[in-house]
mmCIF file of all heavy atoms, coordinates in Angstrom:
data_MODEL
# 
_entry.id   MODEL 
# 
loop_
_atom_site.group_PDB 
_atom_site.id 
_atom_site.type_symbol 
_atom_site.label_atom_id 
_atom_site.label_alt_id 
_atom_site.label_comp_id 
_atom_site.label_asym_id 
_atom_site.label_entity_id 
_atom_site.label_seq_id 
_atom_site.pdbx_PDB_ins_code 
_atom_site.Cartn_x 
_atom_site.Cartn_y 
_atom_site.Cartn_z 
_atom_site.occupancy 
_atom_site.B_iso_or_equiv 
_atom_site.pdbx_formal_charge 
_atom_site.auth_seq_id 
_atom_site.auth_comp_id 
_atom_site.auth_asym_id 
_atom_site.auth_atom_id 
_atom_site.pdbx_PDB_model_num 
ATOM 1   N N   . TRP A 1 1  ? -0.837  41.483 -50.596 1.00 0.00 ? 1  TRP A N   1 
ATOM 2   C CA  . TRP A 1 1  ? -2.198  41.518 -50.060 1.00 0.00 ? 1  TRP A CA  1 
ATOM 3   C C   . TRP A 1 1  ? -2.749  40.103 -49.866 1.00 0.00 ? 1  TRP A C   1 
ATOM 4   O O   . TRP A 1 1  ? -2.369  39.170 -50.566 1.00 0.00 ? 1  TRP A O   1 
ATOM 5   C CB  . TRP A 1 1  ? -3.115  42.282 -51.014 1.00 0.00 ? 1  TRP A CB  1 
ATOM 6   C CG  . TRP A 1 1  ? -2.965  43.773 -50.919 1.00 0.00 ? 1  TRP A CG  1 
ATOM 7   C CD1 . TRP A 1 1  ? -1.954  44.464 -50.318 1.00 0.00 ? 1  TRP A CD1 1 
ATOM 8   C CD2 . TRP A 1 1  ? -3.846  44.749 -51.458 1.00 0.00 ? 1  TRP A CD2 1 
ATOM 9   N NE1 . TRP A 1 1  ? -2.151  45.808 -50.456 1.00 0.00 ? 1  TRP A NE1 1 
ATOM 10  C CE2 . TRP A 1 1  ? -3.306  46.018 -51.148 1.00 0.00 ? 1  TRP A CE2 1 
ATOM 11  C CE3 . TRP A 1 1  ? -5.036  44.677 -52.182 1.00 0.00 ? 1  TRP A CE3 1 
ATOM 12  C CZ2 . TRP A 1 1  ? -3.925  47.212 -51.527 1.00 0.00 ? 1  TRP A CZ2 1 
ATOM 13  C CZ3 . TRP A 1 1  ? -5.650  45.867 -52.564 1.00 0.00 ? 1  TRP A CZ3 1 
ATOM 14  C CH2 . TRP A 1 1  ? -5.097  47.114 -52.233 1.00 0.00 ? 1  TRP A CH2 1 
ATOM 15  N N   . VAL A 1 2  ? -3.669  39.969 -48.919 1.00 0.00 ? 2  VAL A N   1 
ATOM 16  C CA  . VAL A 1 2  ? -4.264  38.667 -48.629 1.00 0.00 ? 2  VAL A CA  1 
ATOM 17  C C   . VAL A 1 2  ? -5.696  38.543 -49.154 1.00 0.00 ? 2  VAL A C   1 
ATOM 18  O O   . VAL A 1 2  ? -6.249  37.451 -49.184 1.00 0.00 ? 2  VAL A O   1 
ATOM 19  C CB  . VAL A 1 2  ? -4.255  38.379 -47.110 1.00 0.00 ? 2  VAL A CB  1 
ATOM 20  C CG1 . VAL A 1 2  ? -2.836  38.311 -46.598 1.00 0.00 ? 2  VAL A CG1 1 
ATOM 21  C CG2 . VAL A 1 2  ? -5.053  39.434 -46.345 1.00 0.00 ? 2  VAL A CG2 1 
ATOM 22  N N   . ARG A 1 3  ? -6.290  39.673 -49.547 1.00 0.00 ? 3  ARG A N   1 
ATOM 23  C CA  . ARG A 1 3  ? -7.637  39.630 -50.122 1.00 0.00 ? 3  ARG A CA  1 
ATOM 24  C C   . ARG A 1 3  ? -7.932  40.956 -50.796 1.00 0.00 ? 3  ARG A C   1 
ATOM 25  O O   . ARG A 1 3  ? -7.242  41.952 -50.593 1.00 0.00 ? 3  ARG A O   1 
ATOM 26  C CB  . ARG A 1 3  ? -8.704  39.350 -49.069 1.00 0.00 ? 3  ARG A CB  1 
ATOM 27  C CG  . ARG A 1 3  ? -8.814  40.378 -47.970 1.00 0.00 ? 3  ARG A CG  1 
ATOM 28  C CD  . ARG A 1 3  ? -10.011 40.084 -47.089 1.00 0.00 ? 3  ARG A CD  1 
ATOM 29  N NE  . ARG A 1 3  ? -11.255 40.190 -47.846 1.00 0.00 ? 3  ARG A NE  1 
ATOM 30  C CZ  . ARG A 1 3  ? -12.355 40.765 -47.372 1.00 0.00 ? 3  ARG A CZ  1 
ATOM 31  N NH1 . ARG A 1 3  ? -12.357 41.284 -46.161 1.00 0.00 ? 3  ARG A NH1 1 
ATOM 32  N NH2 . ARG A 1 3  ? -13.444 40.822 -48.092 1.00 0.00 ? 3  ARG A NH2 1 
ATOM 33  N N   . LEU A 1 4  ? -8.976  40.949 -51.637 1.00 0.00 ? 4  LEU A N   1 
ATOM 34  C CA  . LEU A 1 4  ? -9.466  42.171 -52.255 1.00 0.00 ? 4  LEU A CA  1 
ATOM 35  C C   . LEU A 1 4  ? -10.767 42.592 -51.584 1.00 0.00 ? 4  LEU A C   1 
ATOM 36  O O   . LEU A 1 4  ? -11.327 41.856 -50.761 1.00 0.00 ? 4  LEU A O   1 
ATOM 37  C CB  . LEU A 1 4  ? -9.685  41.951 -53.753 1.00 0.00 ? 4  LEU A CB  1 
ATOM 38  C CG  . LEU A 1 4  ? -8.428  41.635 -54.579 1.00 0.00 ? 4  LEU A CG  1 
ATOM 39  C CD1 . LEU A 1 4  ? -8.797  41.371 -56.037 1.00 0.00 ? 4  LEU A CD1 1 
ATOM 40  C CD2 . LEU A 1 4  ? -7.400  42.751 -54.488 1.00 0.00 ? 4  LEU A CD2 1 
ATOM 41  N N   . ASN A 1 5  ? -11.229 43.773 -51.938 1.00 0.00 ? 5  ASN A N   1 
ATOM 42  C CA  . ASN A 1 5  ? -12.471 44.278 -51.336 1.00 0.00 ? 5  ASN A CA  1 
ATOM 43  C C   . ASN A 1 5  ? -13.330 44.990 -52.379 1.00 0.00 ? 5  ASN A C   1 
ATOM 44  O O   . ASN A 1 5  ? -13.789 46.106 -52.173 1.00 0.00 ? 5  ASN A O   1 
ATOM 45  C CB  . ASN A 1 5  ? -12.143 45.236 -50.186 1.00 0.00 ? 5  ASN A CB  1 
ATOM 46  C CG  . ASN A 1 5  ? -11.646 44.510 -48.948 1.00 0.00 ? 5  ASN A CG  1 
ATOM 47  O OD1 . ASN A 1 5  ? -12.416 43.859 -48.243 1.00 0.00 ? 5  ASN A OD1 1 
ATOM 48  N ND2 . ASN A 1 5  ? -10.357 44.609 -48.685 1.00 0.00 ? 5  ASN A ND2 1 
ATOM 49  N N   . PHE A 1 6  ? -13.555 44.315 -53.501 1.00 0.00 ? 6  PHE A N   1 
ATOM 50  C CA  . PHE A 1 6  ? -14.435 44.864 -54.528 1.00 0.00 ? 6  PHE A CA  1 
ATOM 51  C C   . PHE A 1 6  ? -15.890 44.553 -54.171 1.00 0.00 ? 6  PHE A C   1 
ATOM 52  O O   . PHE A 1 6  ? -16.235 43.402 -53.886 1.00 0.00 ? 6  PHE A O   1 
ATOM 53  C CB  . PHE A 1 6  ? -14.095 44.286 -55.897 1.00 0.00 ? 6  PHE A CB  1 
ATOM 54  C CG  . PHE A 1 6  ? -12.818 44.846 -56.479 1.00 0.00 ? 6  PHE A CG  1 
ATOM 55  C CD1 . PHE A 1 6  ? -11.605 44.191 -56.295 1.00 0.00 ? 6  PHE A CD1 1 
ATOM 56  C CD2 . PHE A 1 6  ? -12.837 46.028 -57.200 1.00 0.00 ? 6  PHE A CD2 1 
ATOM 57  C CE1 . PHE A 1 6  ? -10.437 44.710 -56.823 1.00 0.00 ? 6  PHE A CE1 1 
ATOM 58  C CE2 . PHE A 1 6  ? -11.676 46.557 -57.722 1.00 0.00 ? 6  PHE A CE2 1 
ATOM 59  C CZ  . PHE A 1 6  ? -10.471 45.897 -57.543 1.00 0.00 ? 6  PHE A CZ  1 
ATOM 60  N N   . ASP A 1 7  ? -16.730 45.581 -54.226 1.00 0.00 ? 7  ASP A N   1 
ATOM 61  C CA  . ASP A 1 7  ? -18.112 45.439 -53.764 1.00 0.00 ? 7  ASP A CA  1 
ATOM 62  C C   . ASP A 1 7  ? -19.016 44.727 -54.764 1.00 0.00 ? 7  ASP A C   1 
ATOM 63  O O   . ASP A 1 7  ? -19.870 43.930 -54.374 1.00 0.00 ? 7  ASP A O   1 
ATOM 64  C CB  . ASP A 1 7  ? -18.716 46.813 -53.452 1.00 0.00 ? 7  ASP A CB  1 
ATOM 65  C CG  . ASP A 1 7  ? -18.050 47.473 -52.256 1.00 0.00 ? 7  ASP A CG  1 
ATOM 66  O OD1 . ASP A 1 7  ? -17.508 46.740 -51.413 1.00 0.00 ? 7  ASP A OD1 1 
ATOM 67  O OD2 . ASP A 1 7  ? -18.064 48.710 -52.178 1.00 0.00 ? 7  ASP A OD2 1 
ATOM 68  N N   . ASP A 1 8  ? -18.873 45.038 -56.062 1.00 0.00 ? 8  ASP A N   1 
ATOM 69  C CA  . ASP A 1 8  ? -19.793 44.470 -57.056 1.00 0.00 ? 8  ASP A CA  1 
ATOM 70  C C   . ASP A 1 8  ? -19.120 44.434 -58.421 1.00 0.00 ? 8  ASP A C   1 
ATOM 71  O O   . ASP A 1 8  ? -18.011 44.930 -58.610 1.00 0.00 ? 8  ASP A O   1 
ATOM 72  C CB  . ASP A 1 8  ? -21.099 45.273 -57.105 1.00 0.00 ? 8  ASP A CB  1 
ATOM 73  C CG  . ASP A 1 8  ? -20.852 46.760 -57.345 1.00 0.00 ? 8  ASP A CG  1 
ATOM 74  O OD1 . ASP A 1 8  ? -20.036 47.104 -58.228 1.00 0.00 ? 8  ASP A OD1 1 
ATOM 75  O OD2 . ASP A 1 8  ? -21.467 47.581 -56.644 1.00 0.00 ? 8  ASP A OD2 1 
ATOM 76  N N   . ASP A 1 9  ? -19.811 43.837 -59.366 1.00 0.00 ? 9  ASP A N   1 
ATOM 77  C CA  . ASP A 1 9  ? -19.240 43.659 -60.711 1.00 0.00 ? 9  ASP A CA  1 
ATOM 78  C C   . ASP A 1 9  ? -18.980 44.991 -61.412 1.00 0.00 ? 9  ASP A C   1 
ATOM 79  O O   . ASP A 1 9  ? -18.047 45.107 -62.209 1.00 0.00 ? 9  ASP A O   1 
ATOM 80  C CB  . ASP A 1 9  ? -20.180 42.810 -61.563 1.00 0.00 ? 9  ASP A CB  1 
ATOM 81  C CG  . ASP A 1 9  ? -20.074 41.325 -61.242 1.00 0.00 ? 9  ASP A CG  1 
ATOM 82  O OD1 . ASP A 1 9  ? -19.276 40.981 -60.335 1.00 0.00 ? 9  ASP A OD1 1 
ATOM 83  O OD2 . ASP A 1 9  ? -20.778 40.519 -61.871 1.00 0.00 ? 9  ASP A OD2 1 
ATOM 84  N N   . GLU A 1 10 ? -19.803 45.997 -61.128 1.00 0.00 ? 10 GLU A N   1 
ATOM 85  C CA  . GLU A 1 10 ? -19.612 47.294 -61.781 1.00 0.00 ? 10 GLU A CA  1 
ATOM 86  C C   . GLU A 1 10 ? -18.262 47.900 -61.394 1.00 0.00 ? 10 GLU A C   1 
ATOM 87  O O   . GLU A 1 10 ? -17.554 48.475 -62.235 1.00 0.00 ? 10 GLU A O   1 
ATOM 88  C CB  . GLU A 1 10 ? -20.751 48.237 -61.398 1.00 0.00 ? 10 GLU A CB  1 
ATOM 89  C CG  . GLU A 1 10 ? -20.795 49.495 -62.252 1.00 0.00 ? 10 GLU A CG  1 
ATOM 90  C CD  . GLU A 1 10 ? -21.996 50.360 -61.921 1.00 0.00 ? 10 GLU A CD  1 
ATOM 91  O OE1 . GLU A 1 10 ? -22.611 50.164 -60.852 1.00 0.00 ? 10 GLU A OE1 1 
ATOM 92  O OE2 . GLU A 1 10 ? -22.312 51.247 -62.737 1.00 0.00 ? 10 GLU A OE2 1 
ATOM 93  N N   . VAL A 1 11 ? -17.892 47.761 -60.133 1.00 0.00 ? 11 VAL A N   1 
ATOM 94  C CA  . VAL A 1 11 ? -16.603 48.288 -59.679 1.00 0.00 ? 11 VAL A CA  1 
ATOM 95  C C   . VAL A 1 11 ? -15.458 47.445 -60.244 1.00 0.00 ? 11 VAL A C   1 
ATOM 96  O O   . VAL A 1 11 ? -14.402 47.974 -60.618 1.00 0.00 ? 11 VAL A O   1 
ATOM 97  C CB  . VAL A 1 11 ? -16.557 48.315 -58.133 1.00 0.00 ? 11 VAL A CB  1 
ATOM 98  C CG1 . VAL A 1 11 ? -15.182 48.783 -57.645 1.00 0.00 ? 11 VAL A CG1 1 
ATOM 99  C CG2 . VAL A 1 11 ? -17.641 49.244 -57.585 1.00 0.00 ? 11 VAL A CG2 1 
ATOM 100 N N   . ILE A 1 12 ? -15.658 46.134 -60.330 1.00 0.00 ? 12 ILE A N   1 
ATOM 101 C CA  . ILE A 1 12 ? -14.649 45.261 -60.935 1.00 0.00 ? 12 ILE A CA  1 
ATOM 102 C C   . ILE A 1 12 ? -14.409 45.654 -62.385 1.00 0.00 ? 12 ILE A C   1 
ATOM 103 O O   . ILE A 1 12 ? -13.262 45.765 -62.847 1.00 0.00 ? 12 ILE A O   1 
ATOM 104 C CB  . ILE A 1 12 ? -15.082 43.782 -60.842 1.00 0.00 ? 12 ILE A CB  1 
ATOM 105 C CG1 . ILE A 1 12 ? -15.101 43.321 -59.386 1.00 0.00 ? 12 ILE A CG1 1 
ATOM 106 C CG2 . ILE A 1 12 ? -14.145 42.891 -61.666 1.00 0.00 ? 12 ILE A CG2 1 
ATOM 107 C CD1 . ILE A 1 12 ? -15.731 41.959 -59.179 1.00 0.00 ? 12 ILE A CD1 1 
ATOM 108 N N   . GLU A 1 13 ? -15.493 45.875 -63.121 1.00 0.00 ? 13 GLU A N   1 
ATOM 109 C CA  . GLU A 1 13 ? -15.367 46.237 -64.532 1.00 0.00 ? 13 GLU A CA  1 
ATOM 110 C C   . GLU A 1 13 ? -14.692 47.593 -64.711 1.00 0.00 ? 13 GLU A C   1 
ATOM 111 O O   . GLU A 1 13 ? -13.913 47.795 -65.648 1.00 0.00 ? 13 GLU A O   1 
ATOM 112 C CB  . GLU A 1 13 ? -16.753 46.238 -65.182 1.00 0.00 ? 13 GLU A CB  1 
ATOM 113 C CG  . GLU A 1 13 ? -17.328 44.836 -65.333 1.00 0.00 ? 13 GLU A CG  1 
ATOM 114 C CD  . GLU A 1 13 ? -18.824 44.843 -65.611 1.00 0.00 ? 13 GLU A CD  1 
ATOM 115 O OE1 . GLU A 1 13 ? -19.356 45.950 -65.905 1.00 0.00 ? 13 GLU A OE1 1 
ATOM 116 O OE2 . GLU A 1 13 ? -19.450 43.771 -65.543 1.00 0.00 ? 13 GLU A OE2 1 
ATOM 117 N N   . SER A 1 14 ? -14.942 48.526 -63.800 1.00 0.00 ? 14 SER A N   1 
ATOM 118 C CA  . SER A 1 14 ? -14.281 49.833 -63.894 1.00 0.00 ? 14 SER A CA  1 
ATOM 119 C C   . SER A 1 14 ? -12.784 49.696 -63.612 1.00 0.00 ? 14 SER A C   1 
ATOM 120 O O   . SER A 1 14 ? -11.960 50.385 -64.233 1.00 0.00 ? 14 SER A O   1 
ATOM 121 C CB  . SER A 1 14 ? -14.926 50.828 -62.926 1.00 0.00 ? 14 SER A CB  1 
ATOM 122 O OG  . SER A 1 14 ? -14.611 50.526 -61.578 1.00 0.00 ? 14 SER A OG  1 
ATOM 123 N N   . PHE A 1 15 ? -12.419 48.795 -62.693 1.00 0.00 ? 15 PHE A N   1 
ATOM 124 C CA  . PHE A 1 15 ? -10.999 48.550 -62.434 1.00 0.00 ? 15 PHE A CA  1 
ATOM 125 C C   . PHE A 1 15 ? -10.319 47.950 -63.666 1.00 0.00 ? 15 PHE A C   1 
ATOM 126 O O   . PHE A 1 15 ? -9.191  48.321 -64.007 1.00 0.00 ? 15 PHE A O   1 
ATOM 127 C CB  . PHE A 1 15 ? -10.847 47.609 -61.235 1.00 0.00 ? 15 PHE A CB  1 
ATOM 128 C CG  . PHE A 1 15 ? -9.417  47.217 -60.950 1.00 0.00 ? 15 PHE A CG  1 
ATOM 129 C CD1 . PHE A 1 15 ? -8.529  48.133 -60.411 1.00 0.00 ? 15 PHE A CD1 1 
ATOM 130 C CD2 . PHE A 1 15 ? -8.967  45.940 -61.231 1.00 0.00 ? 15 PHE A CD2 1 
ATOM 131 C CE1 . PHE A 1 15 ? -7.208  47.779 -60.157 1.00 0.00 ? 15 PHE A CE1 1 
ATOM 132 C CE2 . PHE A 1 15 ? -7.658  45.577 -60.974 1.00 0.00 ? 15 PHE A CE2 1 
ATOM 133 C CZ  . PHE A 1 15 ? -6.775  46.500 -60.435 1.00 0.00 ? 15 PHE A CZ  1 
ATOM 134 N N   . LEU A 1 16 ? -11.007 47.050 -64.348 1.00 0.00 ? 16 LEU A N   1 
ATOM 135 C CA  . LEU A 1 16 ? -10.448 46.490 -65.583 1.00 0.00 ? 16 LEU A CA  1 
ATOM 136 C C   . LEU A 1 16 ? -10.320 47.557 -66.664 1.00 0.00 ? 16 LEU A C   1 
ATOM 137 O O   . LEU A 1 16 ? -9.349  47.573 -67.422 1.00 0.00 ? 16 LEU A O   1 
ATOM 138 C CB  . LEU A 1 16 ? -11.324 45.335 -66.068 1.00 0.00 ? 16 LEU A CB  1 
ATOM 139 C CG  . LEU A 1 16 ? -11.333 44.090 -65.169 1.00 0.00 ? 16 LEU A CG  1 
ATOM 140 C CD1 . LEU A 1 16 ? -12.398 43.111 -65.644 1.00 0.00 ? 16 LEU A CD1 1 
ATOM 141 C CD2 . LEU A 1 16 ? -9.967  43.430 -65.145 1.00 0.00 ? 16 LEU A CD2 1 
ATOM 142 N N   . ARG A 1 17 ? -11.278 48.471 -66.729 1.00 0.00 ? 17 ARG A N   1 
ATOM 143 C CA  . ARG A 1 17 ? -11.200 49.530 -67.744 1.00 0.00 ? 17 ARG A CA  1 
ATOM 144 C C   . ARG A 1 17 ? -10.025 50.466 -67.496 1.00 0.00 ? 17 ARG A C   1 
ATOM 145 O O   . ARG A 1 17 ? -9.385  50.909 -68.451 1.00 0.00 ? 17 ARG A O   1 
ATOM 146 C CB  . ARG A 1 17 ? -12.515 50.324 -67.789 1.00 0.00 ? 17 ARG A CB  1 
ATOM 147 C CG  . ARG A 1 17 ? -13.663 49.585 -68.474 1.00 0.00 ? 17 ARG A CG  1 
ATOM 148 C CD  . ARG A 1 17 ? -14.796 50.532 -68.830 1.00 0.00 ? 17 ARG A CD  1 
ATOM 149 N NE  . ARG A 1 17 ? -15.389 51.154 -67.644 1.00 0.00 ? 17 ARG A NE  1 
ATOM 150 C CZ  . ARG A 1 17 ? -16.380 50.615 -66.939 1.00 0.00 ? 17 ARG A CZ  1 
ATOM 151 N NH1 . ARG A 1 17 ? -16.879 49.441 -67.296 1.00 0.00 ? 17 ARG A NH1 1 
ATOM 152 N NH2 . ARG A 1 17 ? -16.876 51.234 -65.889 1.00 0.00 ? 17 ARG A NH2 1 
ATOM 153 N N   . VAL A 1 18 ? -9.738  50.771 -66.235 1.00 0.00 ? 18 VAL A N   1 
ATOM 154 C CA  . VAL A 1 18 ? -8.588  51.643 -65.965 1.00 0.00 ? 18 VAL A CA  1 
ATOM 155 C C   . VAL A 1 18 ? -7.278  50.917 -66.272 1.00 0.00 ? 18 VAL A C   1 
ATOM 156 O O   . VAL A 1 18 ? -6.240  51.538 -66.487 1.00 0.00 ? 18 VAL A O   1 
ATOM 157 C CB  . VAL A 1 18 ? -8.621  52.169 -64.510 1.00 0.00 ? 18 VAL A CB  1 
ATOM 158 C CG1 . VAL A 1 18 ? -8.048  51.159 -63.522 1.00 0.00 ? 18 VAL A CG1 1 
ATOM 159 C CG2 . VAL A 1 18 ? -7.852  53.481 -64.391 1.00 0.00 ? 18 VAL A CG2 1 
ATOM 160 N N   . ASN A 1 19 ? -7.346  49.581 -66.343 1.00 0.00 ? 19 ASN A N   1 
ATOM 161 C CA  . ASN A 1 19 ? -6.218  48.780 -66.799 1.00 0.00 ? 19 ASN A CA  1 
ATOM 162 C C   . ASN A 1 19 ? -6.236  48.588 -68.311 1.00 0.00 ? 19 ASN A C   1 
ATOM 163 O O   . ASN A 1 19 ? -5.446  47.806 -68.846 1.00 0.00 ? 19 ASN A O   1 
ATOM 164 C CB  . ASN A 1 19 ? -6.223  47.410 -66.119 1.00 0.00 ? 19 ASN A CB  1 
ATOM 165 C CG  . ASN A 1 19 ? -5.606  47.442 -64.736 1.00 0.00 ? 19 ASN A CG  1 
ATOM 166 O OD1 . ASN A 1 19 ? -4.400  47.360 -64.581 1.00 0.00 ? 19 ASN A OD1 1 
ATOM 167 N ND2 . ASN A 1 19 ? -6.454  47.567 -63.713 1.00 0.00 ? 19 ASN A ND2 1 
ATOM 168 N N   . GLU A 1 20 ? -7.165  49.257 -68.987 1.00 0.00 ? 20 GLU A N   1 
ATOM 169 C CA  . GLU A 1 20 ? -7.303  49.242 -70.450 1.00 0.00 ? 20 GLU A CA  1 
ATOM 170 C C   . GLU A 1 20 ? -7.893  47.935 -70.994 1.00 0.00 ? 20 GLU A C   1 
ATOM 171 O O   . GLU A 1 20 ? -7.609  47.532 -72.120 1.00 0.00 ? 20 GLU A O   1 
ATOM 172 C CB  . GLU A 1 20 ? -5.968  49.536 -71.151 1.00 0.00 ? 20 GLU A CB  1 
ATOM 173 C CG  . GLU A 1 20 ? -5.424  50.927 -70.894 1.00 0.00 ? 20 GLU A CG  1 
ATOM 174 C CD  . GLU A 1 20 ? -6.205  52.015 -71.636 1.00 0.00 ? 20 GLU A CD  1 
ATOM 175 O OE1 . GLU A 1 20 ? -7.189  51.672 -72.323 1.00 0.00 ? 20 GLU A OE1 1 
ATOM 176 O OE2 . GLU A 1 20 ? -5.830  53.195 -71.534 1.00 0.00 ? 20 GLU A OE2 1 
ATOM 177 N N   . TYR A 1 21 ? -8.745  47.279 -70.196 1.00 0.00 ? 21 TYR A N   1 
ATOM 178 C CA  . TYR A 1 21 ? -9.456  46.096 -70.668 1.00 0.00 ? 21 TYR A CA  1 
ATOM 179 C C   . TYR A 1 21 ? -10.950 46.327 -70.559 1.00 0.00 ? 21 TYR A C   1 
ATOM 180 O O   . TYR A 1 21 ? -11.452 46.787 -69.529 1.00 0.00 ? 21 TYR A O   1 
ATOM 181 C CB  . TYR A 1 21 ? -9.048  44.854 -69.871 1.00 0.00 ? 21 TYR A CB  1 
ATOM 182 C CG  . TYR A 1 21 ? -7.709  44.306 -70.299 1.00 0.00 ? 21 TYR A CG  1 
ATOM 183 C CD1 . TYR A 1 21 ? -6.569  44.504 -69.514 1.00 0.00 ? 21 TYR A CD1 1 
ATOM 184 C CD2 . TYR A 1 21 ? -7.582  43.607 -71.489 1.00 0.00 ? 21 TYR A CD2 1 
ATOM 185 C CE1 . TYR A 1 21 ? -5.336  44.010 -69.915 1.00 0.00 ? 21 TYR A CE1 1 
ATOM 186 C CE2 . TYR A 1 21 ? -6.360  43.109 -71.901 1.00 0.00 ? 21 TYR A CE2 1 
ATOM 187 C CZ  . TYR A 1 21 ? -5.236  43.318 -71.114 1.00 0.00 ? 21 TYR A CZ  1 
ATOM 188 O OH  . TYR A 1 21 ? -4.022  42.840 -71.533 1.00 0.00 ? 21 TYR A OH  1 
ATOM 189 N N   . ASP A 1 22 ? -11.659 45.975 -71.627 1.00 0.00 ? 22 ASP A N   1 
ATOM 190 C CA  . ASP A 1 22 ? -13.098 46.179 -71.715 1.00 0.00 ? 22 ASP A CA  1 
ATOM 191 C C   . ASP A 1 22 ? -13.769 44.823 -71.944 1.00 0.00 ? 22 ASP A C   1 
ATOM 192 O O   . ASP A 1 22 ? -13.590 44.193 -72.991 1.00 0.00 ? 22 ASP A O   1 
ATOM 193 C CB  . ASP A 1 22 ? -13.401 47.135 -72.873 1.00 0.00 ? 22 ASP A CB  1 
ATOM 194 C CG  . ASP A 1 22 ? -14.882 47.457 -72.984 1.00 0.00 ? 22 ASP A CG  1 
ATOM 195 O OD1 . ASP A 1 22 ? -15.692 46.878 -72.232 1.00 0.00 ? 22 ASP A OD1 1 
ATOM 196 O OD2 . ASP A 1 22 ? -15.231 48.290 -73.846 1.00 0.00 ? 22 ASP A OD2 1 
ATOM 197 N N   . LEU A 1 23 ? -14.546 44.376 -70.970 1.00 0.00 ? 23 LEU A N   1 
ATOM 198 C CA  . LEU A 1 23 ? -15.157 43.050 -71.054 1.00 0.00 ? 23 LEU A CA  1 
ATOM 199 C C   . LEU A 1 23 ? -16.237 42.961 -72.122 1.00 0.00 ? 23 LEU A C   1 
ATOM 200 O O   . LEU A 1 23 ? -16.687 41.854 -72.437 1.00 0.00 ? 23 LEU A O   1 
ATOM 201 C CB  . LEU A 1 23 ? -15.734 42.648 -69.693 1.00 0.00 ? 23 LEU A CB  1 
ATOM 202 C CG  . LEU A 1 23 ? -14.709 42.376 -68.591 1.00 0.00 ? 23 LEU A CG  1 
ATOM 203 C CD1 . LEU A 1 23 ? -15.405 41.896 -67.324 1.00 0.00 ? 23 LEU A CD1 1 
ATOM 204 C CD2 . LEU A 1 23 ? -13.663 41.363 -69.027 1.00 0.00 ? 23 LEU A CD2 1 
ATOM 205 N N   . THR A 1 24 ? -16.652 44.074 -72.686 1.00 0.00 ? 24 THR A N   1 
ATOM 206 C CA  . THR A 1 24 ? -17.604 44.004 -73.790 1.00 0.00 ? 24 THR A CA  1 
ATOM 207 C C   . THR A 1 24 ? -16.914 43.608 -75.099 1.00 0.00 ? 24 THR A C   1 
ATOM 208 O O   . THR A 1 24 ? -17.604 43.288 -76.075 1.00 0.00 ? 24 THR A O   1 
ATOM 209 C CB  . THR A 1 24 ? -18.321 45.355 -73.990 1.00 0.00 ? 24 THR A CB  1 
ATOM 210 O OG1 . THR A 1 24 ? -17.369 46.349 -74.403 1.00 0.00 ? 24 THR A OG1 1 
ATOM 211 C CG2 . THR A 1 24 ? -19.011 45.796 -72.711 1.00 0.00 ? 24 THR A CG2 1 
# 
């Protein structure tokens, strides 16, 4: 891929959670 298309931080954080990482 040449770029991502994440709209906002909430969606980024949900992607990290499905990868089993919690920024809290």
